[in-house]
Amino acid sequence: MAGYKIKTKSSAKKRFKFTNSGKIKRSKAKTNHILTKKDPKTKRNLRTSGTIAKADVPSVKRMLPYGK
């Protein structure tokens, strides 16, 4: 008998992507509004993606059960 399927959290699938090595990518915060007072260097650094902290990996993997 087949087991149950686990639902993926919709909020997590919009925010996180898996790399080929199994790490979890995220985009940086503070990029949506009130950008006029931010320095161009700051805005340029916010465009790059980062990886989530090691402590957050188990909870994100629970939210995304069918990721790598």
PDB file of N, CA and C in Angstrom:
ATOM      1  N   MET A   1       0.843  -1.186   0.000  1.00  0.00           N
ATOM      2  CA  MET A   1       0.000   0.000   0.000  1.00  0.00           C
ATOM      3  C   MET A   1       0.890   1.254   0.000  1.00  0.00           C
ATOM      4  N   ALA A   2       0.536   2.176  -0.838  1.00  0.00           N
ATOM      5  CA  ALA A   2       1.343   3.399  -0.961  1.00  0.00           C
ATOM      6  C   ALA A   2       1.150   4.285   0.260  1.00  0.00           C
ATOM      7  N   GLY A   3       2.212   5.034   0.601  1.00  0.00           N
ATOM      8  CA  GLY A   3       2.132   5.959   1.725  1.00  0.00           C
ATOM      9  C   GLY A   3       1.440   7.251   1.332  1.00  0.00           C
ATOM     10  N   TYR A   4       1.316   8.117   2.275  1.00  0.00           N
ATOM     11  CA  TYR A   4       0.674   9.403   2.030  1.00  0.00           C
ATOM     12  C   TYR A   4       1.652  10.370   1.381  1.00  0.00           C
ATOM     13  N   LYS A   5       1.096  11.254   0.567  1.00  0.00           N
ATOM     14  CA  LYS A   5       1.903  12.331   0.011  1.00  0.00           C
ATOM     15  C   LYS A   5       1.900  13.487   1.000  1.00  0.00           C
ATOM     16  N   ILE A   6       3.026  14.192   1.095  1.00  0.00           N
ATOM     17  CA  ILE A   6       3.131  15.340   1.981  1.00  0.00           C
ATOM     18  C   ILE A   6       2.990  16.599   1.137  1.00  0.00           C
ATOM     19  N   LYS A   7       2.171  17.529   1.603  1.00  0.00           N
ATOM     20  CA  LYS A   7       2.015  18.776   0.862  1.00  0.00           C
ATOM     21  C   LYS A   7       3.238  19.674   1.068  1.00  0.00           C
ATOM     22  N   THR A   8       3.632  20.336  -0.015  1.00  0.00           N
ATOM     23  CA  THR A   8       4.699  21.322   0.035  1.00  0.00           C
ATOM     24  C   THR A   8       4.109  22.644   0.496  1.00  0.00           C
ATOM     25  N   LYS A   9       4.830  23.366   1.355  1.00  0.00           N
ATOM     26  CA  LYS A   9       4.378  24.689   1.786  1.00  0.00           C
ATOM     27  C   LYS A   9       4.504  25.660   0.621  1.00  0.00           C
ATOM     28  N   SER A  10       3.398  26.310   0.259  1.00  0.00           N
ATOM     29  CA  SER A  10       3.402  27.228  -0.883  1.00  0.00           C
ATOM     30  C   SER A  10       4.340  28.403  -0.656  1.00  0.00           C
ATOM     31  N   SER A  11       4.409  28.884   0.575  1.00  0.00           N
ATOM     32  CA  SER A  11       5.283  30.026   0.854  1.00  0.00           C
ATOM     33  C   SER A  11       6.741  29.646   0.666  1.00  0.00           C
ATOM     34  N   ALA A  12       7.102  28.421   1.014  1.00  0.00           N
ATOM     35  CA  ALA A  12       8.497  27.986   0.899  1.00  0.00           C
ATOM     36  C   ALA A  12       8.889  27.752  -0.556  1.00  0.00           C
ATOM     37  N   LYS A  13       7.988  27.214  -1.349  1.00  0.00           N
ATOM     38  CA  LYS A  13       8.361  26.935  -2.745  1.00  0.00           C
ATOM     39  C   LYS A  13       8.541  28.218  -3.542  1.00  0.00           C
ATOM     40  N   LYS A  14       7.936  29.318  -3.078  1.00  0.00           N
ATOM     41  CA  LYS A  14       8.139  30.602  -3.738  1.00  0.00           C
ATOM     42  C   LYS A  14       9.448  31.260  -3.314  1.00  0.00           C
ATOM     43  N   ARG A  15       9.972  30.899  -2.160  1.00  0.00           N
ATOM     44  CA  ARG A  15      11.121  31.603  -1.596  1.00  0.00           C
ATOM     45  C   ARG A  15      12.448  30.879  -1.736  1.00  0.00           C
ATOM     46  N   PHE A  16      12.450  29.554  -1.853  1.00  0.00           N
ATOM     47  CA  PHE A  16      13.686  28.783  -1.827  1.00  0.00           C
ATOM     48  C   PHE A  16      13.846  27.931  -3.064  1.00  0.00           C
ATOM     49  N   LYS A  17      15.113  27.747  -3.489  1.00  0.00           N
ATOM     50  CA  LYS A  17      15.443  26.845  -4.593  1.00  0.00           C
ATOM     51  C   LYS A  17      16.632  26.001  -4.144  1.00  0.00           C
ATOM     52  N   PHE A  18      16.701  24.769  -4.631  1.00  0.00           N
ATOM     53  CA  PHE A  18      17.814  23.887  -4.315  1.00  0.00           C
ATOM     54  C   PHE A  18      18.895  24.011  -5.387  1.00  0.00           C
ATOM     55  N   THR A  19      20.155  24.025  -4.955  1.00  0.00           N
ATOM     56  CA  THR A  19      21.266  23.976  -5.901  1.00  0.00           C
ATOM     57  C   THR A  19      21.543  22.518  -6.235  1.00  0.00           C
ATOM     58  N   ASN A  20      22.381  22.281  -7.233  1.00  0.00           N
ATOM     59  CA  ASN A  20      22.704  20.903  -7.609  1.00  0.00           C
ATOM     60  C   ASN A  20      23.470  20.172  -6.522  1.00  0.00           C
ATOM     61  N   SER A  21      24.183  20.928  -5.680  1.00  0.00           N
ATOM     62  CA  SER A  21      24.928  20.288  -4.602  1.00  0.00           C
ATOM     63  C   SER A  21      24.062  20.043  -3.370  1.00  0.00           C
ATOM     64  N   GLY A  22      22.799  20.474  -3.396  1.00  0.00           N
ATOM     65  CA  GLY A  22      21.898  20.209  -2.281  1.00  0.00           C
ATOM     66  C   GLY A  22      21.738  21.355  -1.312  1.00  0.00           C
ATOM     67  N   LYS A  23      22.456  22.466  -1.533  1.00  0.00           N
ATOM     68  CA  LYS A  23      22.279  23.634  -0.670  1.00  0.00           C
ATOM     69  C   LYS A  23      20.975  24.335  -1.046  1.00  0.00           C
ATOM     70  N   ILE A  24      20.511  25.201  -0.169  1.00  0.00           N
ATOM     71  CA  ILE A  24      19.249  25.887  -0.407  1.00  0.00           C
ATOM     72  C   ILE A  24      19.516  27.374  -0.607  1.00  0.00           C
ATOM     73  N   LYS A  25      19.127  27.876  -1.783  1.00  0.00           N
ATOM     74  CA  LYS A  25      19.326  29.285  -2.121  1.00  0.00           C
ATOM     75  C   LYS A  25      18.145  30.110  -1.640  1.00  0.00           C
ATOM     76  N   ARG A  26      18.421  31.377  -1.338  1.00  0.00           N
ATOM     77  CA  ARG A  26      17.379  32.316  -0.953  1.00  0.00           C
ATOM     78  C   ARG A  26      17.712  33.667  -1.539  1.00  0.00           C
ATOM     79  N   SER A  27      16.698  34.518  -1.676  1.00  0.00           N
ATOM     80  CA  SER A  27      16.970  35.887  -2.084  1.00  0.00           C
ATOM     81  C   SER A  27      17.025  36.753  -0.836  1.00  0.00           C
ATOM     82  N   LYS A  28      17.672  37.897  -0.947  1.00  0.00           N
ATOM     83  CA  LYS A  28      17.865  38.742   0.221  1.00  0.00           C
ATOM     84  C   LYS A  28      16.650  39.623   0.477  1.00  0.00           C
ATOM     85  N   ALA A  29      16.494  40.041   1.713  1.00  0.00           N
ATOM     86  CA  ALA A  29      15.373  40.878   2.117  1.00  0.00           C
ATOM     87  C   ALA A  29      15.678  42.344   1.844  1.00  0.00           C
ATOM     88  N   LYS A  30      14.674  43.183   2.052  1.00  0.00           N
ATOM     89  CA  LYS A  30      14.790  44.647   1.924  1.00  0.00           C
ATOM     90  C   LYS A  30      15.044  45.096   0.487  1.00  0.00           C
ATOM     91  N   THR A  31      14.404  44.437  -0.501  1.00  0.00           N
ATOM     92  CA  THR A  31      14.618  44.798  -1.902  1.00  0.00           C
ATOM     93  C   THR A  31      13.356  45.304  -2.587  1.00  0.00           C
ATOM     94  N   ASN A  32      12.257  45.475  -1.863  1.00  0.00           N
ATOM     95  CA  ASN A  32      10.990  45.751  -2.537  1.00  0.00           C
ATOM     96  C   ASN A  32      10.584  47.214  -2.587  1.00  0.00           C
ATOM     97  N   HIS A  33      10.739  47.950  -1.521  1.00  0.00           N
ATOM     98  CA  HIS A  33      10.313  49.347  -1.537  1.00  0.00           C
ATOM     99  C   HIS A  33      11.225  50.169  -0.644  1.00  0.00           C
ATOM    100  N   ILE A  34      11.043  51.479  -0.688  1.00  0.00           N
ATOM    101  CA  ILE A  34      11.911  52.453  -0.002  1.00  0.00           C
ATOM    102  C   ILE A  34      13.364  52.238  -0.444  1.00  0.00           C
ATOM    103  N   LEU A  35      13.552  52.217  -1.757  1.00  0.00           N
ATOM    104  CA  LEU A  35      14.889  51.994  -2.299  1.00  0.00           C
ATOM    105  C   LEU A  35      15.624  53.301  -2.561  1.00  0.00           C
ATOM    106  N   THR A  36      14.918  54.434  -2.496  1.00  0.00           N
ATOM    107  CA  THR A  36      15.561  55.701  -2.834  1.00  0.00           C
ATOM    108  C   THR A  36      16.608  56.100  -1.815  1.00  0.00           C
ATOM    109  N   LYS A  37      16.394  55.730  -0.574  1.00  0.00           N
ATOM    110  CA  LYS A  37      17.364  56.110   0.453  1.00  0.00           C
ATOM    111  C   LYS A  37      18.512  55.110   0.594  1.00  0.00           C
ATOM    112  N   LYS A  38      18.452  54.029  -0.143  1.00  0.00           N
ATOM    113  CA  LYS A  38      19.527  53.042  -0.077  1.00  0.00           C
ATOM    114  C   LYS A  38      20.644  53.414  -1.060  1.00  0.00           C
ATOM    115  N   ASP A  39      21.861  53.153  -0.643  1.00  0.00           N
ATOM    116  CA  ASP A  39      23.039  53.417  -1.446  1.00  0.00           C
ATOM    117  C   ASP A  39      23.066  52.464  -2.646  1.00  0.00           C
ATOM    118  N   PRO A  40      23.546  52.902  -3.816  1.00  0.00           N
ATOM    119  CA  PRO A  40      23.614  52.001  -4.968  1.00  0.00           C
ATOM    120  C   PRO A  40      24.430  50.735  -4.706  1.00  0.00           C
ATOM    121  N   LYS A  41      25.476  50.861  -3.917  1.00  0.00           N
ATOM    122  CA  LYS A  41      26.286  49.686  -3.574  1.00  0.00           C
ATOM    123  C   LYS A  41      25.467  48.688  -2.759  1.00  0.00           C
ATOM    124  N   THR A  42      24.674  49.195  -1.844  1.00  0.00           N
ATOM    125  CA  THR A  42      23.822  48.324  -1.026  1.00  0.00           C
ATOM    126  C   THR A  42      22.813  47.593  -1.894  1.00  0.00           C
ATOM    127  N   LYS A  43      22.177  48.333  -2.812  1.00  0.00           N
ATOM    128  CA  LYS A  43      21.177  47.722  -3.688  1.00  0.00           C
ATOM    129  C   LYS A  43      21.808  46.683  -4.605  1.00  0.00           C
ATOM    130  N   ARG A  44      23.025  46.954  -5.055  1.00  0.00           N
ATOM    131  CA  ARG A  44      23.724  45.997  -5.909  1.00  0.00           C
ATOM    132  C   ARG A  44      24.027  44.715  -5.150  1.00  0.00           C
ATOM    133  N   ASN A  45      24.421  44.831  -3.885  1.00  0.00           N
ATOM    134  CA  ASN A  45      24.706  43.648  -3.073  1.00  0.00           C
ATOM    135  C   ASN A  45      23.445  42.870  -2.731  1.00  0.00           C
ATOM    136  N   LEU A  46      22.302  43.542  -2.664  1.00  0.00           N
ATOM    137  CA  LEU A  46      21.048  42.854  -2.371  1.00  0.00           C
ATOM    138  C   LEU A  46      20.558  42.020  -3.549  1.00  0.00           C
ATOM    139  N   ARG A  47      21.042  42.304  -4.753  1.00  0.00           N
ATOM    140  CA  ARG A  47      20.619  41.537  -5.927  1.00  0.00           C
ATOM    141  C   ARG A  47      21.155  40.114  -5.915  1.00  0.00           C
ATOM    142  N   THR A  48      22.293  39.896  -5.263  1.00  0.00           N
ATOM    143  CA  THR A  48      22.887  38.561  -5.263  1.00  0.00           C
ATOM    144  C   THR A  48      22.104  37.647  -4.332  1.00  0.00           C
ATOM    145  N   SER A  49      22.095  36.382  -4.652  1.00  0.00           N
ATOM    146  CA  SER A  49      21.396  35.424  -3.796  1.00  0.00           C
ATOM    147  C   SER A  49      22.362  34.882  -2.751  1.00  0.00           C
ATOM    148  N   GLY A  50      21.812  34.340  -1.691  1.00  0.00           N
ATOM    149  CA  GLY A  50      22.626  33.741  -0.647  1.00  0.00           C
ATOM    150  C   GLY A  50      22.113  32.348  -0.341  1.00  0.00           C
ATOM    151  N   THR A  51      22.749  31.685   0.591  1.00  0.00           N
ATOM    152  CA  THR A  51      22.262  30.380   1.039  1.00  0.00           C
ATOM    153  C   THR A  51      21.735  30.538   2.456  1.00  0.00           C
ATOM    154  N   ILE A  52      20.840  29.648   2.836  1.00  0.00           N
ATOM    155  CA  ILE A  52      20.271  29.756   4.178  1.00  0.00           C
ATOM    156  C   ILE A  52      21.266  29.241   5.214  1.00  0.00           C
ATOM    157  N   ALA A  53      21.055  29.637   6.452  1.00  0.00           N
ATOM    158  CA  ALA A  53      21.942  29.230   7.533  1.00  0.00           C
ATOM    159  C   ALA A  53      21.812  27.731   7.794  1.00  0.00           C
ATOM    160  N   LYS A  54      22.871  27.152   8.319  1.00  0.00           N
ATOM    161  CA  LYS A  54      22.897  25.712   8.582  1.00  0.00           C
ATOM    162  C   LYS A  54      21.814  25.303   9.576  1.00  0.00           C
ATOM    163  N   ALA A  55      21.502  26.197  10.517  1.00  0.00           N
ATOM    164  CA  ALA A  55      20.487  25.894  11.527  1.00  0.00           C
ATOM    165  C   ALA A  55      19.079  25.850  10.937  1.00  0.00           C
ATOM    166  N   ASP A  56      18.858  26.529   9.801  1.00  0.00           N
ATOM    167  CA  ASP A  56      17.531  26.579   9.190  1.00  0.00           C
ATOM    168  C   ASP A  56      17.287  25.471   8.177  1.00  0.00           C
ATOM    169  N   VAL A  57      18.309  24.718   7.823  1.00  0.00           N
ATOM    170  CA  VAL A  57      18.179  23.693   6.789  1.00  0.00           C
ATOM    171  C   VAL A  57      17.125  22.639   7.137  1.00  0.00           C
ATOM    172  N   PRO A  58      17.093  22.077   8.353  1.00  0.00           N
ATOM    173  CA  PRO A  58      16.088  21.047   8.627  1.00  0.00           C
ATOM    174  C   PRO A  58      14.655  21.541   8.499  1.00  0.00           C
ATOM    175  N   SER A  59      14.373  22.754   8.954  1.00  0.00           N
ATOM    176  CA  SER A  59      12.994  23.247   8.885  1.00  0.00           C
ATOM    177  C   SER A  59      12.588  23.539   7.445  1.00  0.00           C
ATOM    178  N   VAL A  60      13.503  24.041   6.626  1.00  0.00           N
ATOM    179  CA  VAL A  60      13.163  24.299   5.227  1.00  0.00           C
ATOM    180  C   VAL A  60      12.991  22.987   4.472  1.00  0.00           C
ATOM    181  N   LYS A  61      13.800  21.991   4.773  1.00  0.00           N
ATOM    182  CA  LYS A  61      13.648  20.692   4.108  1.00  0.00           C
ATOM    183  C   LYS A  61      12.328  20.014   4.488  1.00  0.00           C
ATOM    184  N   ARG A  62      11.848  20.288   5.705  1.00  0.00           N
ATOM    185  CA  ARG A  62      10.541  19.776   6.105  1.00  0.00           C
ATOM    186  C   ARG A  62       9.423  20.453   5.307  1.00  0.00           C
ATOM    187  N   MET A  63       9.604  21.727   4.998  1.00  0.00           N
ATOM    188  CA  MET A  63       8.596  22.449   4.231  1.00  0.00           C
ATOM    189  C   MET A  63       8.613  22.065   2.753  1.00  0.00           C
ATOM    190  N   LEU A  64       9.781  21.603   2.262  1.00  0.00           N
ATOM    191  CA  LEU A  64       9.938  21.208   0.874  1.00  0.00           C
ATOM    192  C   LEU A  64      10.303  19.727   0.802  1.00  0.00           C
ATOM    193  N   PRO A  65       9.354  18.817   1.032  1.00  0.00           N
ATOM    194  CA  PRO A  65       9.695  17.397   1.168  1.00  0.00           C
ATOM    195  C   PRO A  65      10.212  16.754  -0.113  1.00  0.00           C
ATOM    196  N   TYR A  66       9.916  17.321  -1.293  1.00  0.00           N
ATOM    197  CA  TYR A  66      10.329  16.682  -2.533  1.00  0.00           C
ATOM    198  C   TYR A  66      11.493  17.383  -3.203  1.00  0.00           C
ATOM    199  N   GLY A  67      12.165  18.261  -2.481  1.00  0.00           N
ATOM    200  CA  GLY A  67      13.401  18.853  -2.982  1.00  0.00           C
ATOM    201  C   GLY A  67      14.534  17.864  -2.823  1.00  0.00           C
ATOM    202  N   LYS A  68      15.764  18.276  -3.190  1.00  0.00           N
ATOM    203  CA  LYS A  68      16.896  17.346  -3.086  1.00  0.00           C
ATOM    204  C   LYS A  68      17.325  17.160  -1.658  1.00  0.00           C
TER     205      LYS A  68
END
